[in-house]
PDB file of N, CA and C in Angstrom:
ATOM      1  N   UNK A   1     -74.860 -21.264 -18.118  1.00  0.00           N
ATOM      2  CA  UNK A   1     -73.773 -20.150 -18.098  1.00  0.00           C
ATOM      3  C   UNK A   1     -74.089 -19.100 -17.015  1.00  0.00           C
ATOM      4  N   UNK A   2     -75.550 -18.561 -17.357  1.00  0.00           N
ATOM      5  CA  UNK A   2     -75.871 -17.342 -16.492  1.00  0.00           C
ATOM      6  C   UNK A   2     -76.362 -17.947 -14.868  1.00  0.00           C
ATOM      7  N   UNK A   3     -76.565 -19.369 -15.146  1.00  0.00           N
ATOM      8  CA  UNK A   3     -76.939 -19.694 -13.650  1.00  0.00           C
ATOM      9  C   UNK A   3     -75.317 -19.703 -12.917  1.00  0.00           C
ATOM     10  N   UNK A   4     -74.424 -20.493 -13.433  1.00  0.00           N
ATOM     11  CA  UNK A   4     -73.219 -20.775 -12.795  1.00  0.00           C
ATOM     12  C   UNK A   4     -72.643 -19.423 -12.331  1.00  0.00           C
ATOM     13  N   UNK A   5     -72.618 -17.929 -13.697  1.00  0.00           N
ATOM     14  CA  UNK A   5     -72.003 -16.711 -12.974  1.00  0.00           C
ATOM     15  C   UNK A   5     -72.820 -16.075 -11.689  1.00  0.00           C
ATOM     16  N   UNK A   6     -74.209 -16.320 -12.020  1.00  0.00           N
ATOM     17  CA  UNK A   6     -74.880 -15.733 -10.733  1.00  0.00           C
ATOM     18  C   UNK A   6     -74.489 -16.737  -9.578  1.00  0.00           C
ATOM     19  N   UNK A   7     -74.062 -17.836  -9.579  1.00  0.00           N
ATOM     20  CA  UNK A   7     -74.028 -18.893  -8.321  1.00  0.00           C
ATOM     21  C   UNK A   7     -72.752 -18.371  -8.106  1.00  0.00           C
ATOM     22  N   UNK A   8     -71.802 -17.978  -8.671  1.00  0.00           N
ATOM     23  CA  UNK A   8     -70.193 -17.840  -8.396  1.00  0.00           C
ATOM     24  C   UNK A   8     -69.967 -16.332  -8.001  1.00  0.00           C
ATOM     25  N   UNK A   9     -70.149 -15.441  -8.708  1.00  0.00           N
ATOM     26  CA  UNK A   9     -70.222 -14.061  -8.434  1.00  0.00           C
ATOM     27  C   UNK A   9     -71.403 -13.434  -7.868  1.00  0.00           C
ATOM     28  N   UNK A  10     -72.496 -13.722  -7.557  1.00  0.00           N
ATOM     29  CA  UNK A  10     -73.567 -13.203  -7.052  1.00  0.00           C
ATOM     30  C   UNK A  10     -74.621 -12.301  -8.017  1.00  0.00           C
ATOM     31  N   UNK A  11     -74.178 -12.505  -9.215  1.00  0.00           N
ATOM     32  CA  UNK A  11     -75.004 -11.266 -10.275  1.00  0.00           C
ATOM     33  C   UNK A  11     -74.183 -11.875 -11.636  1.00  0.00           C
ATOM     34  N   UNK A  12     -74.963 -11.489 -12.531  1.00  0.00           N
ATOM     35  CA  UNK A  12     -74.795 -11.453 -13.935  1.00  0.00           C
ATOM     36  C   UNK A  12     -74.254 -10.464 -14.624  1.00  0.00           C
ATOM     37  N   UNK A  13     -72.925 -10.730 -14.468  1.00  0.00           N
ATOM     38  CA  UNK A  13     -71.753  -9.543 -15.038  1.00  0.00           C
ATOM     39  C   UNK A  13     -72.043  -8.712 -16.278  1.00  0.00           C
ATOM     40  N   UNK A  14     -72.517  -9.910 -17.303  1.00  0.00           N
ATOM     41  CA  UNK A  14     -72.690  -8.969 -18.695  1.00  0.00           C
ATOM     42  C   UNK A  14     -73.253  -9.951 -19.724  1.00  0.00           C
ATOM     43  N   UNK A  15     -73.137  -9.459 -20.768  1.00  0.00           N
ATOM     44  CA  UNK A  15     -74.010 -10.665 -21.854  1.00  0.00           C
ATOM     45  C   UNK A  15     -72.506 -11.454 -22.240  1.00  0.00           C
ATOM     46  N   UNK A  16     -73.068 -12.829 -22.506  1.00  0.00           N
ATOM     47  CA  UNK A  16     -72.181 -13.863 -22.499  1.00  0.00           C
ATOM     48  C   UNK A  16     -72.209 -14.196 -24.265  1.00  0.00           C
ATOM     49  N   UNK A  17     -70.576 -14.182 -24.512  1.00  0.00           N
ATOM     50  CA  UNK A  17     -70.486 -14.205 -26.021  1.00  0.00           C
ATOM     51  C   UNK A  17     -70.254 -15.600 -26.338  1.00  0.00           C
ATOM     52  N   UNK A  18     -69.789 -15.687 -27.556  1.00  0.00           N
ATOM     53  CA  UNK A  18     -69.527 -17.148 -28.202  1.00  0.00           C
ATOM     54  C   UNK A  18     -68.409 -17.823 -27.456  1.00  0.00           C
ATOM     55  N   UNK A  19     -69.081 -19.263 -27.513  1.00  0.00           N
ATOM     56  CA  UNK A  19     -67.594 -19.978 -26.953  1.00  0.00           C
ATOM     57  C   UNK A  19     -66.417 -20.076 -27.724  1.00  0.00           C
ATOM     58  N   UNK A  20     -65.138 -19.660 -26.919  1.00  0.00           N
ATOM     59  CA  UNK A  20     -63.685 -19.406 -27.502  1.00  0.00           C
ATOM     60  C   UNK A  20     -63.336 -20.408 -27.845  1.00  0.00           C
ATOM     61  N   UNK A  21     -63.453 -21.681 -26.936  1.00  0.00           N
ATOM     62  CA  UNK A  21     -62.212 -22.984 -27.402  1.00  0.00           C
ATOM     63  C   UNK A  21     -62.810 -23.737 -26.187  1.00  0.00           C
ATOM     64  N   UNK A  22     -62.685 -24.814 -26.460  1.00  0.00           N
ATOM     65  CA  UNK A  22     -62.817 -26.162 -25.230  1.00  0.00           C
ATOM     66  C   UNK A  22     -61.401 -27.049 -25.441  1.00  0.00           C
ATOM     67  N   UNK A  23     -61.538 -27.472 -24.149  1.00  0.00           N
ATOM     68  CA  UNK A  23     -60.158 -28.320 -23.545  1.00  0.00           C
ATOM     69  C   UNK A  23     -60.430 -29.295 -22.616  1.00  0.00           C
ATOM     70  N   UNK A  24     -59.877 -30.825 -22.970  1.00  0.00           N
ATOM     71  CA  UNK A  24     -60.141 -31.744 -21.935  1.00  0.00           C
ATOM     72  C   UNK A  24     -59.076 -31.787 -20.763  1.00  0.00           C
ATOM     73  N   UNK A  25     -59.260 -31.817 -19.612  1.00  0.00           N
ATOM     74  CA  UNK A  25     -58.576 -32.558 -18.554  1.00  0.00           C
ATOM     75  C   UNK A  25     -58.546 -33.749 -18.292  1.00  0.00           C
ATOM     76  N   UNK A  26     -57.454 -34.322 -18.094  1.00  0.00           N
ATOM     77  CA  UNK A  26     -57.330 -35.676 -18.310  1.00  0.00           C
ATOM     78  C   UNK A  26     -56.856 -35.862 -17.035  1.00  0.00           C
ATOM     79  N   UNK A  27     -56.625 -35.086 -15.866  1.00  0.00           N
ATOM     80  CA  UNK A  27     -56.296 -35.279 -14.357  1.00  0.00           C
ATOM     81  C   UNK A  27     -56.986 -36.516 -13.618  1.00  0.00           C
ATOM     82  N   UNK A  28     -56.686 -36.521 -12.334  1.00  0.00           N
ATOM     83  CA  UNK A  28     -57.468 -36.992 -11.417  1.00  0.00           C
ATOM     84  C   UNK A  28     -58.928 -37.098 -11.741  1.00  0.00           C
ATOM     85  N   UNK A  29     -59.606 -36.052 -11.657  1.00  0.00           N
ATOM     86  CA  UNK A  29     -60.807 -35.593 -12.084  1.00  0.00           C
ATOM     87  C   UNK A  29     -61.281 -34.906 -13.284  1.00  0.00           C
ATOM     88  N   UNK A  30     -61.279 -36.132 -14.272  1.00  0.00           N
ATOM     89  CA  UNK A  30     -61.358 -35.174 -15.711  1.00  0.00           C
ATOM     90  C   UNK A  30     -62.389 -34.712 -16.092  1.00  0.00           C
ATOM     91  N   UNK A  31     -62.233 -33.538 -17.031  1.00  0.00           N
ATOM     92  CA  UNK A  31     -63.272 -32.627 -17.097  1.00  0.00           C
ATOM     93  C   UNK A  31     -63.202 -32.264 -18.638  1.00  0.00           C
ATOM     94  N   UNK A  32     -64.423 -31.873 -19.015  1.00  0.00           N
ATOM     95  CA  UNK A  32     -64.246 -31.459 -20.559  1.00  0.00           C
ATOM     96  C   UNK A  32     -64.558 -29.854 -20.267  1.00  0.00           C
ATOM     97  N   UNK A  33     -63.700 -29.072 -20.637  1.00  0.00           N
ATOM     98  CA  UNK A  33     -64.106 -27.650 -20.159  1.00  0.00           C
ATOM     99  C   UNK A  33     -64.430 -26.664 -21.332  1.00  0.00           C
ATOM    100  N   UNK A  34     -64.783 -25.242 -21.331  1.00  0.00           N
ATOM    101  CA  UNK A  34     -65.686 -24.533 -22.331  1.00  0.00           C
ATOM    102  C   UNK A  34     -64.849 -23.392 -21.846  1.00  0.00           C
ATOM    103  N   UNK A  35     -64.340 -22.516 -22.735  1.00  0.00           N
ATOM    104  CA  UNK A  35     -64.484 -21.125 -22.329  1.00  0.00           C
ATOM    105  C   UNK A  35     -64.767 -20.093 -23.118  1.00  0.00           C
ATOM    106  N   UNK A  36     -65.554 -19.060 -22.211  1.00  0.00           N
ATOM    107  CA  UNK A  36     -66.601 -18.368 -23.210  1.00  0.00           C
ATOM    108  C   UNK A  36     -66.130 -16.788 -22.917  1.00  0.00           C
ATOM    109  N   UNK A  37     -66.450 -15.811 -23.600  1.00  0.00           N
ATOM    110  CA  UNK A  37     -66.206 -14.293 -23.316  1.00  0.00           C
ATOM    111  C   UNK A  37     -67.293 -13.976 -22.658  1.00  0.00           C
ATOM    112  N   UNK A  38     -67.168 -13.291 -21.358  1.00  0.00           N
ATOM    113  CA  UNK A  38     -68.372 -12.434 -20.721  1.00  0.00           C
ATOM    114  C   UNK A  38     -67.562 -10.801 -20.733  1.00  0.00           C
ATOM    115  N   UNK A  39     -68.741 -10.265 -21.358  1.00  0.00           N
ATOM    116  CA  UNK A  39     -68.226  -8.081 -21.078  1.00  0.00           C
ATOM    117  C   UNK A  39     -68.967  -8.234 -19.642  1.00  0.00           C
ATOM    118  N   UNK A  40     -67.988  -7.922 -19.012  1.00  0.00           N
ATOM    119  CA  UNK A  40     -68.191  -7.449 -17.387  1.00  0.00           C
ATOM    120  C   UNK A  40     -68.815  -5.775 -17.353  1.00  0.00           C
ATOM    121  N   UNK A  41     -69.939  -5.952 -17.028  1.00  0.00           N
ATOM    122  CA  UNK A  41     -70.556  -4.751 -16.897  1.00  0.00           C
ATOM    123  C   UNK A  41     -71.134  -4.345 -15.616  1.00  0.00           C
ATOM    124  N   UNK A  42     -70.198  -4.818 -14.316  1.00  0.00           N
ATOM    125  CA  UNK A  42     -70.663  -4.567 -13.069  1.00  0.00           C
ATOM    126  C   UNK A  42     -69.580  -3.774 -12.252  1.00  0.00           C
ATOM    127  N   UNK A  43     -69.603  -2.938 -11.391  1.00  0.00           N
ATOM    128  CA  UNK A  43     -68.371  -2.602 -10.369  1.00  0.00           C
ATOM    129  C   UNK A  43     -67.981  -3.653  -9.584  1.00  0.00           C
ATOM    130  N   UNK A  44     -66.563  -3.881  -9.202  1.00  0.00           N
ATOM    131  CA  UNK A  44     -65.988  -4.579  -8.363  1.00  0.00           C
ATOM    132  C   UNK A  44     -66.880  -5.023  -7.207  1.00  0.00           C
ATOM    133  N   UNK A  45     -67.502  -4.109  -6.777  1.00  0.00           N
ATOM    134  CA  UNK A  45     -68.025  -4.379  -5.315  1.00  0.00           C
ATOM    135  C   UNK A  45     -69.279  -4.780  -5.189  1.00  0.00           C
ATOM    136  N   UNK A  46     -70.248  -5.309  -6.477  1.00  0.00           N
ATOM    137  CA  UNK A  46     -71.088  -5.958  -6.942  1.00  0.00           C
ATOM    138  C   UNK A  46     -70.862  -7.292  -6.684  1.00  0.00           C
ATOM    139  N   UNK A  47     -69.273  -7.738  -7.054  1.00  0.00           N
ATOM    140  CA  UNK A  47     -68.980  -9.152  -7.510  1.00  0.00           C
ATOM    141  C   UNK A  47     -68.722  -9.834  -6.049  1.00  0.00           C
ATOM    142  N   UNK A  48     -69.688 -10.860  -5.871  1.00  0.00           N
ATOM    143  CA  UNK A  48     -69.512 -11.551  -4.303  1.00  0.00           C
ATOM    144  C   UNK A  48     -68.885 -12.845  -4.657  1.00  0.00           C
ATOM    145  N   UNK A  49     -67.601 -13.254  -3.947  1.00  0.00           N
ATOM    146  CA  UNK A  49     -67.342 -14.763  -4.282  1.00  0.00           C
ATOM    147  C   UNK A  49     -67.922 -15.489  -3.250  1.00  0.00           C
ATOM    148  N   UNK A  50     -68.320 -16.715  -3.977  1.00  0.00           N
ATOM    149  CA  UNK A  50     -69.546 -17.408  -3.244  1.00  0.00           C
ATOM    150  C   UNK A  50     -69.067 -18.816  -3.107  1.00  0.00           C
ATOM    151  N   UNK A  51     -68.541 -19.583  -4.060  1.00  0.00           N
ATOM    152  CA  UNK A  51     -67.896 -20.888  -3.719  1.00  0.00           C
ATOM    153  C   UNK A  51     -66.619 -21.097  -3.979  1.00  0.00           C
ATOM    154  N   UNK A  52     -65.466 -20.076  -4.456  1.00  0.00           N
ATOM    155  CA  UNK A  52     -64.683 -19.988  -4.524  1.00  0.00           C
ATOM    156  C   UNK A  52     -63.401 -19.861  -3.378  1.00  0.00           C
ATOM    157  N   UNK A  53     -62.249 -20.068  -3.700  1.00  0.00           N
ATOM    158  CA  UNK A  53     -61.212 -19.529  -2.534  1.00  0.00           C
ATOM    159  C   UNK A  53     -60.886 -18.116  -2.913  1.00  0.00           C
ATOM    160  N   UNK A  54     -60.771 -17.547  -3.584  1.00  0.00           N
ATOM    161  CA  UNK A  54     -60.378 -16.260  -4.054  1.00  0.00           C
ATOM    162  C   UNK A  54     -60.896 -15.478  -5.499  1.00  0.00           C
ATOM    163  N   UNK A  55     -60.707 -14.034  -5.557  1.00  0.00           N
ATOM    164  CA  UNK A  55     -60.930 -13.560  -6.751  1.00  0.00           C
ATOM    165  C   UNK A  55     -60.168 -12.326  -6.917  1.00  0.00           C
ATOM    166  N   UNK A  56     -59.702 -12.168  -7.986  1.00  0.00           N
ATOM    167  CA  UNK A  56     -58.869 -11.020  -8.406  1.00  0.00           C
ATOM    168  C   UNK A  56     -59.181 -10.844 -10.126  1.00  0.00           C
ATOM    169  N   UNK A  57     -58.471  -9.328 -10.223  1.00  0.00           N
ATOM    170  CA  UNK A  57     -58.136  -9.091 -11.728  1.00  0.00           C
ATOM    171  C   UNK A  57     -56.778  -9.443 -11.900  1.00  0.00           C
ATOM    172  N   UNK A  58     -56.847  -9.444 -13.342  1.00  0.00           N
ATOM    173  CA  UNK A  58     -55.471  -9.623 -13.855  1.00  0.00           C
ATOM    174  C   UNK A  58     -55.082  -9.224 -15.358  1.00  0.00           C
ATOM    175  N   UNK A  59     -54.201  -8.595 -15.626  1.00  0.00           N
ATOM    176  CA  UNK A  59     -53.938  -8.360 -17.185  1.00  0.00           C
ATOM    177  C   UNK A  59     -54.127  -9.608 -17.743  1.00  0.00           C
ATOM    178  N   UNK A  60     -53.652  -9.419 -18.942  1.00  0.00           N
ATOM    179  CA  UNK A  60     -53.644 -10.628 -19.824  1.00  0.00           C
ATOM    180  C   UNK A  60     -52.098 -11.027 -19.517  1.00  0.00           C
ATOM    181  N   UNK A  61     -51.140 -10.314 -19.832  1.00  0.00           N
ATOM    182  CA  UNK A  61     -49.815 -10.693 -19.361  1.00  0.00           C
ATOM    183  C   UNK A  61     -49.516 -11.017 -17.960  1.00  0.00           C
ATOM    184  N   UNK A  62     -50.222 -10.547 -17.140  1.00  0.00           N
ATOM    185  CA  UNK A  62     -50.384 -11.024 -15.804  1.00  0.00           C
ATOM    186  C   UNK A  62     -50.643 -12.529 -15.228  1.00  0.00           C
ATOM    187  N   UNK A  63     -51.614 -12.794 -16.525  1.00  0.00           N
ATOM    188  CA  UNK A  63     -52.076 -14.287 -16.150  1.00  0.00           C
ATOM    189  C   UNK A  63     -51.093 -15.420 -16.207  1.00  0.00           C
ATOM    190  N   UNK A  64     -49.612 -15.172 -17.157  1.00  0.00           N
ATOM    191  CA  UNK A  64     -48.915 -16.065 -17.485  1.00  0.00           C
ATOM    192  C   UNK A  64     -48.044 -16.194 -16.346  1.00  0.00           C
ATOM    193  N   UNK A  65     -48.265 -15.279 -15.115  1.00  0.00           N
ATOM    194  CA  UNK A  65     -46.915 -15.788 -13.735  1.00  0.00           C
ATOM    195  C   UNK A  65     -47.873 -16.296 -12.860  1.00  0.00           C
ATOM    196  N   UNK A  66     -49.081 -16.703 -12.912  1.00  0.00           N
ATOM    197  CA  UNK A  66     -49.771 -17.239 -11.968  1.00  0.00           C
ATOM    198  C   UNK A  66     -50.386 -18.985 -12.118  1.00  0.00           C
ATOM    199  N   UNK A  67     -50.169 -19.330 -10.933  1.00  0.00           N
ATOM    200  CA  UNK A  67     -51.056 -20.556 -11.232  1.00  0.00           C
ATOM    201  C   UNK A  67     -52.603 -20.553 -11.490  1.00  0.00           C
ATOM    202  N   UNK A  68     -52.711 -21.621 -12.675  1.00  0.00           N
ATOM    203  CA  UNK A  68     -54.192 -21.305 -13.355  1.00  0.00           C
ATOM    204  C   UNK A  68     -54.742 -22.632 -13.321  1.00  0.00           C
ATOM    205  N   UNK A  69     -56.035 -22.879 -13.784  1.00  0.00           N
ATOM    206  CA  UNK A  69     -56.555 -24.027 -13.531  1.00  0.00           C
ATOM    207  C   UNK A  69     -56.018 -24.902 -14.561  1.00  0.00           C
ATOM    208  N   UNK A  70     -56.005 -26.208 -14.439  1.00  0.00           N
ATOM    209  CA  UNK A  70     -55.618 -27.260 -15.400  1.00  0.00           C
ATOM    210  C   UNK A  70     -56.117 -26.785 -17.000  1.00  0.00           C
ATOM    211  N   UNK A  71     -54.819 -26.862 -17.705  1.00  0.00           N
ATOM    212  CA  UNK A  71     -55.333 -26.679 -19.284  1.00  0.00           C
ATOM    213  C   UNK A  71     -55.276 -25.414 -19.672  1.00  0.00           C
ATOM    214  N   UNK A  72     -55.389 -23.855 -18.821  1.00  0.00           N
ATOM    215  CA  UNK A  72     -55.477 -22.465 -19.019  1.00  0.00           C
ATOM    216  C   UNK A  72     -54.287 -22.194 -19.416  1.00  0.00           C
ATOM    217  N   UNK A  73     -52.961 -22.788 -19.048  1.00  0.00           N
ATOM    218  CA  UNK A  73     -51.917 -22.071 -19.452  1.00  0.00           C
ATOM    219  C   UNK A  73     -51.461 -22.333 -20.837  1.00  0.00           C
ATOM    220  N   UNK A  74     -51.660 -23.241 -21.307  1.00  0.00           N
ATOM    221  CA  UNK A  74     -51.495 -23.643 -22.838  1.00  0.00           C
ATOM    222  C   UNK A  74     -52.674 -23.375 -23.694  1.00  0.00           C
ATOM    223  N   UNK A  75     -53.779 -22.992 -23.587  1.00  0.00           N
ATOM    224  CA  UNK A  75     -54.474 -22.005 -24.025  1.00  0.00           C
ATOM    225  C   UNK A  75     -54.660 -20.511 -24.215  1.00  0.00           C
ATOM    226  N   UNK A  76     -53.410 -20.110 -23.359  1.00  0.00           N
ATOM    227  CA  UNK A  76     -53.420 -18.631 -23.158  1.00  0.00           C
ATOM    228  C   UNK A  76     -53.059 -18.153 -24.733  1.00  0.00           C
ATOM    229  N   UNK A  77     -52.685 -18.629 -25.475  1.00  0.00           N
ATOM    230  CA  UNK A  77     -52.045 -18.026 -26.650  1.00  0.00           C
ATOM    231  C   UNK A  77     -53.748 -17.932 -27.596  1.00  0.00           C
ATOM    232  N   UNK A  78     -54.704 -18.905 -27.545  1.00  0.00           N
ATOM    233  CA  UNK A  78     -56.316 -18.769 -27.921  1.00  0.00           C
ATOM    234  C   UNK A  78     -56.672 -17.307 -27.159  1.00  0.00           C
ATOM    235  N   UNK A  79     -56.748 -17.432 -25.878  1.00  0.00           N
ATOM    236  CA  UNK A  79     -57.071 -15.915 -25.366  1.00  0.00           C
ATOM    237  C   UNK A  79     -56.562 -14.717 -26.229  1.00  0.00           C
ATOM    238  N   UNK A  80     -55.082 -14.675 -26.057  1.00  0.00           N
ATOM    239  CA  UNK A  80     -54.599 -13.709 -26.561  1.00  0.00           C
ATOM    240  C   UNK A  80     -55.181 -13.472 -27.953  1.00  0.00           C
ATOM    241  N   UNK A  81     -55.348 -14.571 -28.714  1.00  0.00           N
ATOM    242  CA  UNK A  81     -55.783 -14.100 -30.437  1.00  0.00           C
ATOM    243  C   UNK A  81     -56.923 -13.330 -30.296  1.00  0.00           C
ATOM    244  N   UNK A  82     -57.715 -13.872 -29.355  1.00  0.00           N
ATOM    245  CA  UNK A  82     -59.380 -13.457 -29.218  1.00  0.00           C
ATOM    246  C   UNK A  82     -59.065 -12.122 -28.676  1.00  0.00           C
ATOM    247  N   UNK A  83     -58.430 -11.741 -28.079  1.00  0.00           N
ATOM    248  CA  UNK A  83     -58.246 -10.287 -27.452  1.00  0.00           C
ATOM    249  C   UNK A  83     -57.743  -9.522 -28.412  1.00  0.00           C
ATOM    250  N   UNK A  84     -56.791  -9.699 -29.423  1.00  0.00           N
ATOM    251  CA  UNK A  84     -56.454  -8.989 -30.511  1.00  0.00           C
ATOM    252  C   UNK A  84     -57.302  -8.803 -31.529  1.00  0.00           C
ATOM    253  N   UNK A  85     -58.026  -9.689 -31.782  1.00  0.00           N
ATOM    254  CA  UNK A  85     -59.302  -9.441 -32.796  1.00  0.00           C
ATOM    255  C   UNK A  85     -60.670 -10.185 -32.659  1.00  0.00           C
ATOM    256  N   UNK A  86     -61.225  -9.708 -31.326  1.00  0.00           N
ATOM    257  CA  UNK A  86     -62.345 -10.451 -31.157  1.00  0.00           C
ATOM    258  C   UNK A  86     -63.583  -9.924 -31.990  1.00  0.00           C
ATOM    259  N   UNK A  87     -64.423 -11.409 -32.333  1.00  0.00           N
ATOM    260  CA  UNK A  87     -65.274 -11.527 -32.945  1.00  0.00           C
ATOM    261  C   UNK A  87     -66.119 -10.894 -32.505  1.00  0.00           C
ATOM    262  N   UNK A  88     -67.539  -9.814 -33.642  1.00  0.00           N
ATOM    263  CA  UNK A  88     -68.280  -9.248 -32.953  1.00  0.00           C
ATOM    264  C   UNK A  88     -69.040  -9.742 -31.900  1.00  0.00           C
ATOM    265  N   UNK A  89     -69.878  -9.025 -31.026  1.00  0.00           N
ATOM    266  CA  UNK A  89     -70.163  -9.835 -29.771  1.00  0.00           C
ATOM    267  C   UNK A  89     -71.691 -10.342 -30.497  1.00  0.00           C
ATOM    268  N   UNK A  90     -71.809 -11.765 -29.676  1.00  0.00           N
ATOM    269  CA  UNK A  90     -73.143 -12.419 -29.846  1.00  0.00           C
ATOM    270  C   UNK A  90     -73.959 -12.421 -28.329  1.00  0.00           C
ATOM    271  N   UNK A  91     -75.064 -12.017 -28.342  1.00  0.00           N
ATOM    272  CA  UNK A  91     -75.511 -12.246 -27.012  1.00  0.00           C
ATOM    273  C   UNK A  91     -76.744 -13.273 -26.995  1.00  0.00           C
ATOM    274  N   UNK A  92     -76.701 -14.500 -26.574  1.00  0.00           N
ATOM    275  CA  UNK A  92     -77.444 -15.368 -25.969  1.00  0.00           C
ATOM    276  C   UNK A  92     -78.444 -14.798 -25.356  1.00  0.00           C
TER     277      UNK A  92
END
């Protein structure tokens, strides 16, 4: 996880918490996905988009109106539940 964040963003934004949930994408390129919480402790200008097409900040409600990675839209209630009552941070 640390390597991927550094590879994708050019830095390690903060502590990685426990896994929130998993889901399977069964499309053309099937994948098993994992969703983790990451406390972002860097300024916007420290984040560098290395491999993606775009990067931006969104409110939780704002995520409902944009195209998301397959499987994320139906998992938004799980993210919402986490945001309402997050577990104590567990730093790996």
